[in-house]
PDB file of N, CA and C in Angstrom:
ATOM      1  N   MET A   1       0.832  -1.175   0.000  1.00  0.00           N
ATOM      2  CA  MET A   1       0.000   0.000   0.000  1.00  0.00           C
ATOM      3  C   MET A   1       0.881   1.243   0.000  1.00  0.00           C
ATOM      4  N   LEU A   2       0.535   2.183  -0.813  1.00  0.00           N
ATOM      5  CA  LEU A   2       1.252   3.453  -0.850  1.00  0.00           C
ATOM      6  C   LEU A   2       0.801   4.338   0.312  1.00  0.00           C
ATOM      7  N   PRO A   3       1.701   5.141   0.870  1.00  0.00           N
ATOM      8  CA  PRO A   3       1.280   6.097   1.897  1.00  0.00           C
ATOM      9  C   PRO A   3       0.254   7.077   1.333  1.00  0.00           C
ATOM     10  N   ALA A   4      -0.578   7.610   2.198  1.00  0.00           N
ATOM     11  CA  ALA A   4      -1.651   8.516   1.770  1.00  0.00           C
ATOM     12  C   ALA A   4      -1.107   9.730   1.028  1.00  0.00           C
ATOM     13  N   LEU A   5       0.071  10.225   1.426  1.00  0.00           N
ATOM     14  CA  LEU A   5       0.669  11.380   0.743  1.00  0.00           C
ATOM     15  C   LEU A   5       1.008  11.084  -0.713  1.00  0.00           C
ATOM     16  N   ASN A   6       1.234   9.822  -1.029  1.00  0.00           N
ATOM     17  CA  ASN A   6       1.679   9.447  -2.365  1.00  0.00           C
ATOM     18  C   ASN A   6       0.563   8.955  -3.277  1.00  0.00           C
ATOM     19  N   ARG A   7      -0.686   9.048  -2.840  1.00  0.00           N
ATOM     20  CA  ARG A   7      -1.791   8.562  -3.669  1.00  0.00           C
ATOM     21  C   ARG A   7      -2.441   9.694  -4.438  1.00  0.00           C
ATOM     22  N   LEU A   8      -2.632   9.465  -5.715  1.00  0.00           N
ATOM     23  CA  LEU A   8      -3.336  10.410  -6.581  1.00  0.00           C
ATOM     24  C   LEU A   8      -4.793   9.959  -6.627  1.00  0.00           C
ATOM     25  N   ARG A   9      -5.731  10.820  -6.240  1.00  0.00           N
ATOM     26  CA  ARG A   9      -7.123  10.402  -6.102  1.00  0.00           C
ATOM     27  C   ARG A   9      -8.095  11.150  -6.997  1.00  0.00           C
ATOM     28  N   SER A  10      -7.861  12.408  -7.248  1.00  0.00           N
ATOM     29  CA  SER A  10      -8.824  13.253  -7.937  1.00  0.00           C
ATOM     30  C   SER A  10      -8.867  12.960  -9.435  1.00  0.00           C
ATOM     31  N   SER A  11     -10.069  12.883  -9.983  1.00  0.00           N
ATOM     32  CA  SER A  11     -10.202  12.660 -11.427  1.00  0.00           C
ATOM     33  C   SER A  11      -9.648  13.847 -12.213  1.00  0.00           C
ATOM     34  N   LYS A  12      -9.724  15.046 -11.640  1.00  0.00           N
ATOM     35  CA  LYS A  12      -9.144  16.223 -12.300  1.00  0.00           C
ATOM     36  C   LYS A  12      -7.623  16.096 -12.379  1.00  0.00           C
ATOM     37  N   ASP A  13      -7.011  15.582 -11.322  1.00  0.00           N
ATOM     38  CA  ASP A  13      -5.562  15.368 -11.342  1.00  0.00           C
ATOM     39  C   ASP A  13      -5.181  14.318 -12.378  1.00  0.00           C
ATOM     40  N   PHE A  14      -5.940  13.215 -12.443  1.00  0.00           N
ATOM     41  CA  PHE A  14      -5.674  12.185 -13.446  1.00  0.00           C
ATOM     42  C   PHE A  14      -5.755  12.790 -14.848  1.00  0.00           C
ATOM     43  N   ALA A  15      -6.795  13.575 -15.108  1.00  0.00           N
ATOM     44  CA  ALA A  15      -6.965  14.189 -16.433  1.00  0.00           C
ATOM     45  C   ALA A  15      -5.823  15.144 -16.753  1.00  0.00           C
ATOM     46  N   ARG A  16      -5.424  15.975 -15.788  1.00  0.00           N
ATOM     47  CA  ARG A  16      -4.344  16.940 -16.025  1.00  0.00           C
ATOM     48  C   ARG A  16      -3.029  16.229 -16.323  1.00  0.00           C
ATOM     49  N   VAL A  17      -2.729  15.175 -15.584  1.00  0.00           N
ATOM     50  CA  VAL A  17      -1.455  14.472 -15.765  1.00  0.00           C
ATOM     51  C   VAL A  17      -1.420  13.741 -17.103  1.00  0.00           C
ATOM     52  N   THR A  18      -2.531  13.099 -17.482  1.00  0.00           N
ATOM     53  CA  THR A  18      -2.518  12.335 -18.731  1.00  0.00           C
ATOM     54  C   THR A  18      -2.575  13.212 -19.975  1.00  0.00           C
ATOM     55  N   LYS A  19      -3.077  14.431 -19.853  1.00  0.00           N
ATOM     56  CA  LYS A  19      -3.183  15.304 -21.029  1.00  0.00           C
ATOM     57  C   LYS A  19      -1.992  16.240 -21.205  1.00  0.00           C
ATOM     58  N   THR A  20      -1.248  16.503 -20.141  1.00  0.00           N
ATOM     59  CA  THR A  20      -0.087  17.391 -20.225  1.00  0.00           C
ATOM     60  C   THR A  20       1.111  16.716 -19.582  1.00  0.00           C
ATOM     61  N   GLY A  21       2.249  17.265 -19.747  1.00  0.00           N
ATOM     62  CA  GLY A  21       3.441  16.698 -19.113  1.00  0.00           C
ATOM     63  C   GLY A  21       4.180  15.737 -20.027  1.00  0.00           C
ATOM     64  N   TYR A  22       4.948  14.869 -19.413  1.00  0.00           N
ATOM     65  CA  TYR A  22       5.792  13.929 -20.147  1.00  0.00           C
ATOM     66  C   TYR A  22       5.132  12.562 -20.195  1.00  0.00           C
ATOM     67  N   ARG A  23       5.440  11.800 -21.267  1.00  0.00           N
ATOM     68  CA  ARG A  23       4.868  10.471 -21.445  1.00  0.00           C
ATOM     69  C   ARG A  23       5.937   9.539 -21.978  1.00  0.00           C
ATOM     70  N   ALA A  24       5.948   8.302 -21.465  1.00  0.00           N
ATOM     71  CA  ALA A  24       6.855   7.268 -21.957  1.00  0.00           C
ATOM     72  C   ALA A  24       6.099   5.947 -22.003  1.00  0.00           C
ATOM     73  N   SER A  25       6.360   5.153 -23.039  1.00  0.00           N
ATOM     74  CA  SER A  25       5.690   3.868 -23.201  1.00  0.00           C
ATOM     75  C   SER A  25       6.691   2.729 -23.105  1.00  0.00           C
ATOM     76  N   THR A  26       6.248   1.629 -22.532  1.00  0.00           N
ATOM     77  CA  THR A  26       7.001   0.380 -22.534  1.00  0.00           C
ATOM     78  C   THR A  26       6.104  -0.672 -23.174  1.00  0.00           C
ATOM     79  N   ALA A  27       6.481  -1.921 -23.088  1.00  0.00           N
ATOM     80  CA  ALA A  27       5.707  -2.975 -23.735  1.00  0.00           C
ATOM     81  C   ALA A  27       4.277  -3.070 -23.199  1.00  0.00           C
ATOM     82  N   SER A  28       4.088  -2.882 -21.911  1.00  0.00           N
ATOM     83  CA  SER A  28       2.736  -3.026 -21.368  1.00  0.00           C
ATOM     84  C   SER A  28       2.286  -1.852 -20.499  1.00  0.00           C
ATOM     85  N   LEU A  29       3.079  -0.776 -20.426  1.00  0.00           N
ATOM     86  CA  LEU A  29       2.726   0.375 -19.599  1.00  0.00           C
ATOM     87  C   LEU A  29       2.902   1.682 -20.359  1.00  0.00           C
ATOM     88  N   VAL A  30       2.118   2.677 -19.991  1.00  0.00           N
ATOM     89  CA  VAL A  30       2.348   4.058 -20.401  1.00  0.00           C
ATOM     90  C   VAL A  30       2.451   4.852 -19.105  1.00  0.00           C
ATOM     91  N   ILE A  31       3.538   5.618 -18.963  1.00  0.00           N
ATOM     92  CA  ILE A  31       3.767   6.390 -17.753  1.00  0.00           C
ATOM     93  C   ILE A  31       3.673   7.865 -18.104  1.00  0.00           C
ATOM     94  N   TYR A  32       2.831   8.585 -17.376  1.00  0.00           N
ATOM     95  CA  TYR A  32       2.663  10.023 -17.550  1.00  0.00           C
ATOM     96  C   TYR A  32       3.235  10.716 -16.314  1.00  0.00           C
ATOM     97  N   LEU A  33       3.944  11.833 -16.507  1.00  0.00           N
ATOM     98  CA  LEU A  33       4.523  12.565 -15.383  1.00  0.00           C
ATOM     99  C   LEU A  33       4.325  14.054 -15.586  1.00  0.00           C
ATOM    100  N   LYS A  34       3.777  14.699 -14.588  1.00  0.00           N
ATOM    101  CA  LYS A  34       3.624  16.163 -14.557  1.00  0.00           C
ATOM    102  C   LYS A  34       4.474  16.642 -13.398  1.00  0.00           C
ATOM    103  N   ASP A  35       5.454  17.519 -13.666  1.00  0.00           N
ATOM    104  CA  ASP A  35       6.473  17.807 -12.648  1.00  0.00           C
ATOM    105  C   ASP A  35       6.538  19.231 -12.155  1.00  0.00           C
ATOM    106  N   ASP A  36       5.639  20.095 -12.525  1.00  0.00           N
ATOM    107  CA  ASP A  36       5.771  21.496 -12.125  1.00  0.00           C
ATOM    108  C   ASP A  36       4.753  21.906 -11.065  1.00  0.00           C
ATOM    109  N   LEU A  37       4.401  21.008 -10.199  1.00  0.00           N
ATOM    110  CA  LEU A  37       3.406  21.293  -9.177  1.00  0.00           C
ATOM    111  C   LEU A  37       4.092  21.639  -7.869  1.00  0.00           C
ATOM    112  N   ALA A  38       3.730  22.753  -7.281  1.00  0.00           N
ATOM    113  CA  ALA A  38       4.341  23.182  -6.023  1.00  0.00           C
ATOM    114  C   ALA A  38       3.390  23.003  -4.846  1.00  0.00           C
ATOM    115  N   THR A  39       2.325  22.238  -5.024  1.00  0.00           N
ATOM    116  CA  THR A  39       1.347  22.087  -3.955  1.00  0.00           C
ATOM    117  C   THR A  39       1.725  21.022  -2.942  1.00  0.00           C
ATOM    118  N   GLN A  40       2.510  20.029  -3.338  1.00  0.00           N
ATOM    119  CA  GLN A  40       2.922  18.976  -2.417  1.00  0.00           C
ATOM    120  C   GLN A  40       4.398  18.697  -2.606  1.00  0.00           C
ATOM    121  N   SER A  41       5.041  18.198  -1.559  1.00  0.00           N
ATOM    122  CA  SER A  41       6.474  17.928  -1.659  1.00  0.00           C
ATOM    123  C   SER A  41       6.759  16.473  -1.988  1.00  0.00           C
ATOM    124  N   GLU A  42       5.797  15.607  -1.824  1.00  0.00           N
ATOM    125  CA  GLU A  42       5.953  14.190  -2.138  1.00  0.00           C
ATOM    126  C   GLU A  42       5.330  13.894  -3.496  1.00  0.00           C
ATOM    127  N   PRO A  43       5.907  12.970  -4.265  1.00  0.00           N
ATOM    128  CA  PRO A  43       5.264  12.599  -5.531  1.00  0.00           C
ATOM    129  C   PRO A  43       3.946  11.874  -5.266  1.00  0.00           C
ATOM    130  N   GLN A  44       2.993  12.076  -6.158  1.00  0.00           N
ATOM    131  CA  GLN A  44       1.708  11.388  -6.066  1.00  0.00           C
ATOM    132  C   GLN A  44       1.570  10.467  -7.264  1.00  0.00           C
ATOM    133  N   ILE A  45       1.075   9.256  -7.024  1.00  0.00           N
ATOM    134  CA  ILE A  45       1.001   8.233  -8.064  1.00  0.00           C
ATOM    135  C   ILE A  45      -0.415   7.689  -8.139  1.00  0.00           C
ATOM    136  N   GLY A  46      -0.899   7.503  -9.375  1.00  0.00           N
ATOM    137  CA  GLY A  46      -2.197   6.890  -9.610  1.00  0.00           C
ATOM    138  C   GLY A  46      -2.077   5.841 -10.695  1.00  0.00           C
ATOM    139  N   PHE A  47      -3.013   4.907 -10.727  1.00  0.00           N
ATOM    140  CA  PHE A  47      -2.976   3.803 -11.687  1.00  0.00           C
ATOM    141  C   PHE A  47      -4.282   3.728 -12.451  1.00  0.00           C
ATOM    142  N   ILE A  48      -4.164   3.394 -13.750  1.00  0.00           N
ATOM    143  CA  ILE A  48      -5.327   3.166 -14.597  1.00  0.00           C
ATOM    144  C   ILE A  48      -5.166   1.769 -15.192  1.00  0.00           C
ATOM    145  N   VAL A  49      -6.083   0.877 -14.834  1.00  0.00           N
ATOM    146  CA  VAL A  49      -6.079  -0.483 -15.368  1.00  0.00           C
ATOM    147  C   VAL A  49      -7.466  -0.713 -15.956  1.00  0.00           C
ATOM    148  N   SER A  50      -7.559  -0.716 -17.283  1.00  0.00           N
ATOM    149  CA  SER A  50      -8.871  -0.778 -17.928  1.00  0.00           C
ATOM    150  C   SER A  50      -9.405  -2.205 -18.000  1.00  0.00           C
ATOM    151  N   LYS A  51     -10.672  -2.307 -18.341  1.00  0.00           N
ATOM    152  CA  LYS A  51     -11.307  -3.616 -18.480  1.00  0.00           C
ATOM    153  C   LYS A  51     -10.740  -4.407 -19.648  1.00  0.00           C
ATOM    154  N   ALA A  52     -10.077  -3.740 -20.576  1.00  0.00           N
ATOM    155  CA  ALA A  52      -9.473  -4.440 -21.708  1.00  0.00           C
ATOM    156  C   ALA A  52      -8.353  -5.368 -21.260  1.00  0.00           C
ATOM    157  N   VAL A  53      -7.780  -5.104 -20.093  1.00  0.00           N
ATOM    158  CA  VAL A  53      -6.687  -5.928 -19.561  1.00  0.00           C
ATOM    159  C   VAL A  53      -7.216  -7.253 -19.048  1.00  0.00           C
ATOM    160  N   GLY A  54      -8.417  -7.247 -18.488  1.00  0.00           N
ATOM    161  CA  GLY A  54      -8.983  -8.482 -17.957  1.00  0.00           C
ATOM    162  C   GLY A  54     -10.124  -8.184 -17.013  1.00  0.00           C
ATOM    163  N   GLY A  55     -10.558  -9.218 -16.323  1.00  0.00           N
ATOM    164  CA  GLY A  55     -11.646  -9.075 -15.373  1.00  0.00           C
ATOM    165  C   GLY A  55     -11.197  -8.379 -14.106  1.00  0.00           C
ATOM    166  N   SER A  56     -12.111  -8.271 -13.185  1.00  0.00           N
ATOM    167  CA  SER A  56     -11.863  -7.547 -11.945  1.00  0.00           C
ATOM    168  C   SER A  56     -10.693  -8.131 -11.153  1.00  0.00           C
ATOM    169  N   VAL A  57     -10.631  -9.431 -11.057  1.00  0.00           N
ATOM    170  CA  VAL A  57      -9.563 -10.071 -10.291  1.00  0.00           C
ATOM    171  C   VAL A  57      -8.206  -9.770 -10.916  1.00  0.00           C
ATOM    172  N   ALA A  58      -8.122  -9.881 -12.236  1.00  0.00           N
ATOM    173  CA  ALA A  58      -6.854  -9.615 -12.933  1.00  0.00           C
ATOM    174  C   ALA A  58      -6.453  -8.149 -12.792  1.00  0.00           C
ATOM    175  N   ARG A  59      -7.411  -7.226 -12.928  1.00  0.00           N
ATOM    176  CA  ARG A  59      -7.102  -5.798 -12.814  1.00  0.00           C
ATOM    177  C   ARG A  59      -6.605  -5.441 -11.419  1.00  0.00           C
ATOM    178  N   HIS A  60      -7.246  -5.974 -10.400  1.00  0.00           N
ATOM    179  CA  HIS A  60      -6.812  -5.682  -9.039  1.00  0.00           C
ATOM    180  C   HIS A  60      -5.463  -6.330  -8.721  1.00  0.00           C
ATOM    181  N   ARG A  61      -5.199  -7.504  -9.274  1.00  0.00           N
ATOM    182  CA  ARG A  61      -3.893  -8.145  -9.096  1.00  0.00           C
ATOM    183  C   ARG A  61      -2.798  -7.286  -9.699  1.00  0.00           C
ATOM    184  N   ILE A  62      -3.043  -6.767 -10.884  1.00  0.00           N
ATOM    185  CA  ILE A  62      -2.061  -5.914 -11.558  1.00  0.00           C
ATOM    186  C   ILE A  62      -1.860  -4.620 -10.775  1.00  0.00           C
ATOM    187  N   ALA A  63      -2.937  -4.021 -10.288  1.00  0.00           N
ATOM    188  CA  ALA A  63      -2.810  -2.784  -9.495  1.00  0.00           C
ATOM    189  C   ALA A  63      -1.998  -3.031  -8.226  1.00  0.00           C
ATOM    190  N   ARG A  64      -2.217  -4.164  -7.565  1.00  0.00           N
ATOM    191  CA  ARG A  64      -1.424  -4.486  -6.374  1.00  0.00           C
ATOM    192  C   ARG A  64       0.047  -4.659  -6.725  1.00  0.00           C
ATOM    193  N   GLN A  65       0.334  -5.348  -7.835  1.00  0.00           N
ATOM    194  CA  GLN A  65       1.722  -5.532  -8.263  1.00  0.00           C
ATOM    195  C   GLN A  65       2.383  -4.193  -8.562  1.00  0.00           C
ATOM    196  N   LEU A  66       1.660  -3.301  -9.225  1.00  0.00           N
ATOM    197  CA  LEU A  66       2.205  -1.988  -9.546  1.00  0.00           C
ATOM    198  C   LEU A  66       2.456  -1.156  -8.295  1.00  0.00           C
ATOM    199  N   ARG A  67       1.507  -1.164  -7.361  1.00  0.00           N
ATOM    200  CA  ARG A  67       1.703  -0.419  -6.110  1.00  0.00           C
ATOM    201  C   ARG A  67       2.931  -0.929  -5.361  1.00  0.00           C
ATOM    202  N   HIS A  68       3.088  -2.232  -5.310  1.00  0.00           N
ATOM    203  CA  HIS A  68       4.244  -2.805  -4.628  1.00  0.00           C
ATOM    204  C   HIS A  68       5.542  -2.440  -5.350  1.00  0.00           C
ATOM    205  N   ALA A  69       5.536  -2.505  -6.671  1.00  0.00           N
ATOM    206  CA  ALA A  69       6.750  -2.201  -7.440  1.00  0.00           C
ATOM    207  C   ALA A  69       7.119  -0.726  -7.342  1.00  0.00           C
ATOM    208  N   ILE A  70       6.133   0.148  -7.412  1.00  0.00           N
ATOM    209  CA  ILE A  70       6.444   1.589  -7.413  1.00  0.00           C
ATOM    210  C   ILE A  70       6.823   2.076  -6.017  1.00  0.00           C
ATOM    211  N   LYS A  71       6.350   1.392  -4.990  1.00  0.00           N
ATOM    212  CA  LYS A  71       6.722   1.769  -3.622  1.00  0.00           C
ATOM    213  C   LYS A  71       8.236   1.676  -3.429  1.00  0.00           C
ATOM    214  N   ASN A  72       8.870   0.734  -4.106  1.00  0.00           N
ATOM    215  CA  ASN A  72      10.323   0.572  -4.023  1.00  0.00           C
ATOM    216  C   ASN A  72      11.077   1.609  -4.848  1.00  0.00           C
ATOM    217  N   HIS A  73      10.381   2.313  -5.748  1.00  0.00           N
ATOM    218  CA  HIS A  73      11.028   3.269  -6.645  1.00  0.00           C
ATOM    219  C   HIS A  73      10.599   4.714  -6.380  1.00  0.00           C
ATOM    220  N   LEU A  74      10.033   4.998  -5.230  1.00  0.00           N
ATOM    221  CA  LEU A  74       9.585   6.362  -4.933  1.00  0.00           C
ATOM    222  C   LEU A  74      10.737   7.363  -4.939  1.00  0.00           C
ATOM    223  N   THR A  75      11.955   6.908  -4.662  1.00  0.00           N
ATOM    224  CA  THR A  75      13.092   7.825  -4.611  1.00  0.00           C
ATOM    225  C   THR A  75      13.517   8.306  -5.993  1.00  0.00           C
ATOM    226  N   ILE A  76      13.175   7.560  -7.054  1.00  0.00           N
ATOM    227  CA  ILE A  76      13.589   8.001  -8.397  1.00  0.00           C
ATOM    228  C   ILE A  76      12.578   8.947  -9.024  1.00  0.00           C
ATOM    229  N   ILE A  77      11.393   9.074  -8.410  1.00  0.00           N
ATOM    230  CA  ILE A  77      10.370   9.985  -8.934  1.00  0.00           C
ATOM    231  C   ILE A  77      10.653  11.368  -8.377  1.00  0.00           C
ATOM    232  N   PRO A  78      10.696  12.382  -9.247  1.00  0.00           N
ATOM    233  CA  PRO A  78      10.990  13.730  -8.761  1.00  0.00           C
ATOM    234  C   PRO A  78       9.932  14.219  -7.767  1.00  0.00           C
ATOM    235  N   PRO A  79      10.368  14.925  -6.702  1.00  0.00           N
ATOM    236  CA  PRO A  79       9.369  15.527  -5.812  1.00  0.00           C
ATOM    237  C   PRO A  79       8.581  16.591  -6.577  1.00  0.00           C
ATOM    238  N   TYR A  80       7.477  17.008  -6.049  1.00  0.00           N
ATOM    239  CA  TYR A  80       6.596  17.995  -6.686  1.00  0.00           C
ATOM    240  C   TYR A  80       6.037  17.480  -8.015  1.00  0.00           C
ATOM    241  N   SER A  81       5.877  16.173  -8.147  1.00  0.00           N
ATOM    242  CA  SER A  81       5.359  15.641  -9.401  1.00  0.00           C
ATOM    243  C   SER A  81       4.174  14.722  -9.144  1.00  0.00           C
ATOM    244  N   GLN A  82       3.396  14.525 -10.205  1.00  0.00           N
ATOM    245  CA  GLN A  82       2.286  13.579 -10.184  1.00  0.00           C
ATOM    246  C   GLN A  82       2.511  12.599 -11.318  1.00  0.00           C
ATOM    247  N   VAL A  83       2.268  11.331 -11.053  1.00  0.00           N
ATOM    248  CA  VAL A  83       2.525  10.257 -12.009  1.00  0.00           C
ATOM    249  C   VAL A  83       1.254   9.428 -12.156  1.00  0.00           C
ATOM    250  N   VAL A  84       0.940   9.080 -13.406  1.00  0.00           N
ATOM    251  CA  VAL A  84      -0.139   8.133 -13.680  1.00  0.00           C
ATOM    252  C   VAL A  84       0.467   7.004 -14.495  1.00  0.00           C
ATOM    253  N   VAL A  85       0.221   5.776 -14.046  1.00  0.00           N
ATOM    254  CA  VAL A  85       0.696   4.589 -14.751  1.00  0.00           C
ATOM    255  C   VAL A  85      -0.527   3.911 -15.343  1.00  0.00           C
ATOM    256  N   ARG A  86      -0.560   3.818 -16.681  1.00  0.00           N
ATOM    257  CA  ARG A  86      -1.670   3.170 -17.392  1.00  0.00           C
ATOM    258  C   ARG A  86      -1.185   1.817 -17.907  1.00  0.00           C
ATOM    259  N   VAL A  87      -1.940   0.779 -17.603  1.00  0.00           N
ATOM    260  CA  VAL A  87      -1.615  -0.565 -18.086  1.00  0.00           C
ATOM    261  C   VAL A  87      -2.334  -0.753 -19.410  1.00  0.00           C
ATOM    262  N   ILE A  88      -1.562  -1.047 -20.477  1.00  0.00           N
ATOM    263  CA  ILE A  88      -2.185  -1.226 -21.786  1.00  0.00           C
ATOM    264  C   ILE A  88      -2.374  -2.695 -22.141  1.00  0.00           C
ATOM    265  N   LYS A  89      -1.617  -3.573 -21.465  1.00  0.00           N
ATOM    266  CA  LYS A  89      -1.860  -5.005 -21.602  1.00  0.00           C
ATOM    267  C   LYS A  89      -1.211  -5.726 -20.439  1.00  0.00           C
ATOM    268  N   ASP A  90      -1.744  -6.894 -20.128  1.00  0.00           N
ATOM    269  CA  ASP A  90      -1.239  -7.684 -19.017  1.00  0.00           C
ATOM    270  C   ASP A  90       0.076  -8.339 -19.420  1.00  0.00           C
ATOM    271  N   ALA A  91       1.069  -8.223 -18.561  1.00  0.00           N
ATOM    272  CA  ALA A  91       2.363  -8.856 -18.796  1.00  0.00           C
ATOM    273  C   ALA A  91       2.312 -10.255 -18.192  1.00  0.00           C
ATOM    274  N   LEU A  92       1.764 -11.210 -18.932  1.00  0.00           N
ATOM    275  CA  LEU A  92       1.552 -12.555 -18.406  1.00  0.00           C
ATOM    276  C   LEU A  92       2.861 -13.285 -18.132  1.00  0.00           C
ATOM    277  N   ASP A  93       3.878 -13.016 -18.932  1.00  0.00           N
ATOM    278  CA  ASP A  93       5.143 -13.727 -18.762  1.00  0.00           C
ATOM    279  C   ASP A  93       5.996 -13.151 -17.637  1.00  0.00           C
ATOM    280  N   LYS A  94       5.619 -11.979 -17.095  1.00  0.00           N
ATOM    281  CA  LYS A  94       6.384 -11.344 -16.017  1.00  0.00           C
ATOM    282  C   LYS A  94       5.515 -11.234 -14.767  1.00  0.00           C
ATOM    283  N   PRO A  95       6.004 -11.693 -13.624  1.00  0.00           N
ATOM    284  CA  PRO A  95       5.187 -11.586 -12.417  1.00  0.00           C
ATOM    285  C   PRO A  95       5.118 -10.171 -11.846  1.00  0.00           C
ATOM    286  N   ASP A  96       6.062  -9.300 -12.200  1.00  0.00           N
ATOM    287  CA  ASP A  96       6.013  -7.926 -11.686  1.00  0.00           C
ATOM    288  C   ASP A  96       6.396  -6.937 -12.777  1.00  0.00           C
ATOM    289  N   TYR A  97       6.133  -5.680 -12.513  1.00  0.00           N
ATOM    290  CA  TYR A  97       6.345  -4.620 -13.482  1.00  0.00           C
ATOM    291  C   TYR A  97       7.542  -3.740 -13.128  1.00  0.00           C
ATOM    292  N   SER A  98       8.368  -4.176 -12.218  1.00  0.00           N
ATOM    293  CA  SER A  98       9.453  -3.350 -11.710  1.00  0.00           C
ATOM    294  C   SER A  98      10.415  -2.900 -12.810  1.00  0.00           C
ATOM    295  N   SER A  99      10.818  -3.809 -13.665  1.00  0.00           N
ATOM    296  CA  SER A  99      11.759  -3.436 -14.726  1.00  0.00           C
ATOM    297  C   SER A  99      11.126  -2.489 -15.738  1.00  0.00           C
ATOM    298  N   GLU A 100       9.840  -2.692 -16.030  1.00  0.00           N
ATOM    299  CA  GLU A 100       9.171  -1.782 -16.967  1.00  0.00           C
ATOM    300  C   GLU A 100       9.005  -0.390 -16.374  1.00  0.00           C
ATOM    301  N   LEU A 101       8.743  -0.305 -15.078  1.00  0.00           N
ATOM    302  CA  LEU A 101       8.663   1.001 -14.426  1.00  0.00           C
ATOM    303  C   LEU A 101      10.002   1.723 -14.504  1.00  0.00           C
ATOM    304  N   LEU A 102      11.076   1.014 -14.212  1.00  0.00           N
ATOM    305  CA  LEU A 102      12.407   1.625 -14.302  1.00  0.00           C
ATOM    306  C   LEU A 102      12.704   2.098 -15.714  1.00  0.00           C
ATOM    307  N   GLN A 103      12.373   1.260 -16.699  1.00  0.00           N
ATOM    308  CA  GLN A 103      12.595   1.619 -18.098  1.00  0.00           C
ATOM    309  C   GLN A 103      11.783   2.859 -18.473  1.00  0.00           C
ATOM    310  N   GLY A 104      10.538   2.925 -18.046  1.00  0.00           N
ATOM    311  CA  GLY A 104       9.693   4.080 -18.349  1.00  0.00           C
ATOM    312  C   GLY A 104      10.192   5.350 -17.692  1.00  0.00           C
ATOM    313  N   PHE A 105      10.599   5.269 -16.424  1.00  0.00           N
ATOM    314  CA  PHE A 105      11.115   6.449 -15.732  1.00  0.00           C
ATOM    315  C   PHE A 105      12.441   6.901 -16.322  1.00  0.00           C
ATOM    316  N   LYS A 106      13.230   5.962 -16.817  1.00  0.00           N
ATOM    317  CA  LYS A 106      14.489   6.320 -17.476  1.00  0.00           C
ATOM    318  C   LYS A 106      14.209   7.107 -18.760  1.00  0.00           C
ATOM    319  N   LYS A 107      13.208   6.665 -19.533  1.00  0.00           N
ATOM    320  CA  LYS A 107      12.831   7.383 -20.757  1.00  0.00           C
ATOM    321  C   LYS A 107      12.323   8.788 -20.446  1.00  0.00           C
ATOM    322  N   ILE A 108      11.510   8.901 -19.402  1.00  0.00           N
ATOM    323  CA  ILE A 108      10.976  10.218 -19.037  1.00  0.00           C
ATOM    324  C   ILE A 108      12.097  11.142 -18.588  1.00  0.00           C
ATOM    325  N   SER A 109      13.025  10.639 -17.785  1.00  0.00           N
ATOM    326  CA  SER A 109      14.118  11.497 -17.314  1.00  0.00           C
ATOM    327  C   SER A 109      14.997  11.959 -18.474  1.00  0.00           C
ATOM    328  N   GLN A 110      15.160  11.135 -19.509  1.00  0.00           N
ATOM    329  CA  GLN A 110      15.912  11.552 -20.693  1.00  0.00           C
ATOM    330  C   GLN A 110      15.177  12.664 -21.426  1.00  0.00           C
ATOM    331  N   ARG A 111      13.843  12.551 -21.518  1.00  0.00           N
ATOM    332  CA  ARG A 111      13.070  13.591 -22.189  1.00  0.00           C
ATOM    333  C   ARG A 111      13.059  14.886 -21.408  1.00  0.00           C
ATOM    334  N   MET A 112      13.140  14.785 -20.083  1.00  0.00           N
ATOM    335  CA  MET A 112      13.172  15.973 -19.245  1.00  0.00           C
ATOM    336  C   MET A 112      14.547  16.624 -19.234  1.00  0.00           C
ATOM    337  N   GLY A 113      15.557  15.902 -19.715  1.00  0.00           N
ATOM    338  CA  GLY A 113      16.905  16.435 -19.729  1.00  0.00           C
ATOM    339  C   GLY A 113      17.694  16.122 -18.465  1.00  0.00           C
ATOM    340  N   VAL A 114      17.180  15.190 -17.653  1.00  0.00           N
ATOM    341  CA  VAL A 114      17.852  14.798 -16.416  1.00  0.00           C
ATOM    342  C   VAL A 114      18.627  13.526 -16.689  1.00  0.00           C
ATOM    343  N   LYS A 115      19.881  13.514 -16.344  1.00  0.00           N
ATOM    344  CA  LYS A 115      20.731  12.340 -16.536  1.00  0.00           C
ATOM    345  C   LYS A 115      20.748  11.534 -15.253  1.00  0.00           C
ATOM    346  N   LYS A 116      20.258  10.294 -15.331  1.00  0.00           N
ATOM    347  CA  LYS A 116      20.266   9.393 -14.169  1.00  0.00           C
ATOM    348  C   LYS A 116      20.859   8.081 -14.532  1.00  0.00           C
TER     349      LYS A 116
END
């Protein structure tokens, strides 16, 4: 479970992050990042797992895997930012999304001009 400070909840925030900011795609994820927010000091993260990925059980399993994977990578997300992770297909051959998250954040940091 992510701490309450790190959860993105508002539909307006989800819309703002997905329509503006930076975007990077991997094989089964699209990561959106909006980094110019001065309202909070901790990054906020939200997940979108559509019905196209699978039924309710599969979607919730994927959301739990993503929350667990991103909790370990909170230090690589810039403070004052909001992140939305959209699952575009289920990664059946991989039990977790940790490597794809790292790959996506690496692409975003390159687009932002940050060398990591």
